[in-house]
Amino acid sequence: MDVVDLRADGESADETDYATCPMCGNEKIRYVHIVEHPDLDENFEVGSSAPRR
């Protein structure tokens, strides 16, 4: 599992282009967790709570 910080160096919170978690619907995800699933060909990009489910 990889984690990506969507905020660029020197960027303010107001300038950050946040993501939305498709699992929980949280609309302000800064740290995107990229999760693999053995039964699927694609990865999921989710918030911090979803990988533990």
N, C-alpha and C. Protein backbone atom coordinates (compact mmCIF):
# COMPACT_ATOMS: atom_id res chain seq x y z
N MET A 1 0.85 -1.17 0.00
CA MET A 1 0.00 0.00 0.00
C MET A 1 0.89 1.23 0.00
N ASP A 2 0.59 2.14 -0.88
CA ASP A 2 1.30 3.42 -0.95
C ASP A 2 0.39 4.52 -0.41
N VAL A 3 1.02 5.59 0.05
CA VAL A 3 0.29 6.77 0.52
C VAL A 3 0.83 7.98 -0.23
N VAL A 4 -0.09 8.80 -0.76
CA VAL A 4 0.29 9.98 -1.52
C VAL A 4 -0.26 11.22 -0.80
N ASP A 5 0.61 12.20 -0.57
CA ASP A 5 0.21 13.48 0.01
C ASP A 5 -0.17 14.41 -1.14
N LEU A 6 -1.42 14.82 -1.18
CA LEU A 6 -1.90 15.66 -2.28
C LEU A 6 -1.49 17.12 -2.17
N ARG A 7 -0.95 17.51 -1.03
CA ARG A 7 -0.53 18.90 -0.86
C ARG A 7 0.92 19.05 -1.31
N ALA A 8 1.15 19.91 -2.27
CA ALA A 8 2.50 20.18 -2.77
C ALA A 8 3.28 20.98 -1.73
N ASP A 9 4.59 20.87 -1.78
CA ASP A 9 5.45 21.64 -0.88
C ASP A 9 5.15 23.12 -1.01
N GLY A 10 4.95 23.78 0.12
CA GLY A 10 4.70 25.21 0.13
C GLY A 10 3.26 25.60 -0.17
N GLU A 11 2.41 24.63 -0.47
CA GLU A 11 1.02 24.91 -0.80
C GLU A 11 0.20 25.04 0.49
N SER A 12 -0.72 25.99 0.52
CA SER A 12 -1.55 26.16 1.71
C SER A 12 -2.74 25.19 1.66
N ALA A 13 -3.42 25.05 2.79
CA ALA A 13 -4.59 24.17 2.86
C ALA A 13 -5.68 24.63 1.90
N ASP A 14 -5.80 25.94 1.72
CA ASP A 14 -6.82 26.47 0.81
C ASP A 14 -6.52 26.17 -0.65
N GLU A 15 -5.25 25.98 -0.98
CA GLU A 15 -4.85 25.72 -2.37
C GLU A 15 -4.83 24.24 -2.71
N THR A 16 -4.93 23.38 -1.70
CA THR A 16 -4.82 21.94 -1.92
C THR A 16 -6.04 21.40 -2.64
N ASP A 17 -5.79 20.57 -3.66
CA ASP A 17 -6.86 19.90 -4.40
C ASP A 17 -7.09 18.54 -3.74
N TYR A 18 -7.99 18.50 -2.77
CA TYR A 18 -8.26 17.29 -2.00
C TYR A 18 -9.02 16.26 -2.83
N ALA A 19 -8.96 15.01 -2.40
CA ALA A 19 -9.68 13.92 -3.05
C ALA A 19 -10.91 13.56 -2.22
N THR A 20 -11.78 12.76 -2.80
CA THR A 20 -12.95 12.22 -2.10
C THR A 20 -12.80 10.71 -2.02
N CYS A 21 -13.02 10.15 -0.84
CA CYS A 21 -12.91 8.71 -0.65
C CYS A 21 -14.17 8.03 -1.21
N PRO A 22 -14.02 7.10 -2.15
CA PRO A 22 -15.19 6.41 -2.71
C PRO A 22 -15.81 5.41 -1.74
N MET A 23 -15.08 5.02 -0.70
CA MET A 23 -15.60 4.04 0.26
C MET A 23 -16.48 4.69 1.33
N CYS A 24 -16.02 5.81 1.91
CA CYS A 24 -16.75 6.42 3.02
C CYS A 24 -17.41 7.74 2.63
N GLY A 25 -17.03 8.31 1.49
CA GLY A 25 -17.62 9.56 1.05
C GLY A 25 -16.98 10.80 1.62
N ASN A 26 -15.93 10.64 2.45
CA ASN A 26 -15.24 11.82 2.99
C ASN A 26 -14.72 12.65 1.83
N GLU A 27 -15.05 13.92 1.83
CA GLU A 27 -14.74 14.78 0.69
C GLU A 27 -13.47 15.60 0.84
N LYS A 28 -12.72 15.40 1.90
CA LYS A 28 -11.51 16.20 2.08
C LYS A 28 -10.36 15.30 2.50
N ILE A 29 -9.91 14.46 1.58
CA ILE A 29 -8.83 13.53 1.84
C ILE A 29 -7.53 14.15 1.33
N ARG A 30 -6.59 14.36 2.24
CA ARG A 30 -5.28 14.87 1.85
C ARG A 30 -4.33 13.72 1.55
N TYR A 31 -4.31 12.72 2.42
CA TYR A 31 -3.43 11.57 2.26
C TYR A 31 -4.22 10.43 1.62
N VAL A 32 -3.92 10.13 0.38
CA VAL A 32 -4.62 9.09 -0.36
C VAL A 32 -3.85 7.78 -0.23
N HIS A 33 -4.54 6.75 0.22
CA HIS A 33 -3.96 5.42 0.35
C HIS A 33 -4.32 4.62 -0.89
N ILE A 34 -3.32 4.07 -1.56
CA ILE A 34 -3.53 3.30 -2.77
C ILE A 34 -3.48 1.82 -2.38
N VAL A 35 -4.64 1.17 -2.48
CA VAL A 35 -4.81 -0.19 -1.98
C VAL A 35 -5.05 -1.16 -3.13
N GLU A 36 -4.40 -2.30 -3.06
CA GLU A 36 -4.59 -3.37 -4.06
C GLU A 36 -5.55 -4.40 -3.50
N HIS A 37 -6.32 -5.02 -4.37
CA HIS A 37 -7.21 -6.12 -3.98
C HIS A 37 -6.92 -7.30 -4.90
N PRO A 38 -6.70 -8.49 -4.35
CA PRO A 38 -6.30 -9.63 -5.17
C PRO A 38 -7.34 -10.07 -6.20
N ASP A 39 -8.60 -9.74 -5.99
CA ASP A 39 -9.65 -10.15 -6.91
C ASP A 39 -9.96 -9.13 -8.00
N LEU A 40 -9.28 -7.98 -7.95
CA LEU A 40 -9.56 -6.91 -8.91
C LEU A 40 -8.29 -6.50 -9.64
N ASP A 41 -8.46 -6.03 -10.87
CA ASP A 41 -7.31 -5.61 -11.69
C ASP A 41 -6.85 -4.19 -11.40
N GLU A 42 -7.70 -3.39 -10.77
CA GLU A 42 -7.34 -2.00 -10.53
C GLU A 42 -7.15 -1.73 -9.04
N ASN A 43 -6.47 -0.64 -8.73
CA ASN A 43 -6.23 -0.23 -7.35
C ASN A 43 -7.32 0.73 -6.90
N PHE A 44 -7.51 0.82 -5.58
CA PHE A 44 -8.43 1.77 -4.99
C PHE A 44 -7.63 2.92 -4.40
N GLU A 45 -8.12 4.13 -4.56
CA GLU A 45 -7.53 5.31 -3.93
C GLU A 45 -8.52 5.78 -2.89
N VAL A 46 -8.18 5.56 -1.61
CA VAL A 46 -9.12 5.78 -0.51
C VAL A 46 -8.51 6.63 0.60
N GLY A 47 -9.31 7.00 1.58
CA GLY A 47 -8.85 7.72 2.75
C GLY A 47 -8.21 6.79 3.76
N SER A 48 -7.86 7.31 4.91
CA SER A 48 -7.09 6.53 5.90
C SER A 48 -7.88 5.45 6.61
N SER A 49 -9.19 5.57 6.69
CA SER A 49 -9.99 4.57 7.40
C SER A 49 -10.31 3.34 6.54
N ALA A 50 -10.45 3.52 5.26
CA ALA A 50 -10.87 2.44 4.37
C ALA A 50 -9.92 1.24 4.30
N PRO A 51 -8.59 1.41 4.32
CA PRO A 51 -7.71 0.24 4.23
C PRO A 51 -7.84 -0.74 5.40
N ARG A 52 -8.35 -0.28 6.51
CA ARG A 52 -8.49 -1.15 7.69
C ARG A 52 -9.76 -1.96 7.65
N ARG A 53 -10.64 -1.72 6.71
CA ARG A 53 -11.92 -2.42 6.63
C ARG A 53 -11.80 -3.70 5.88
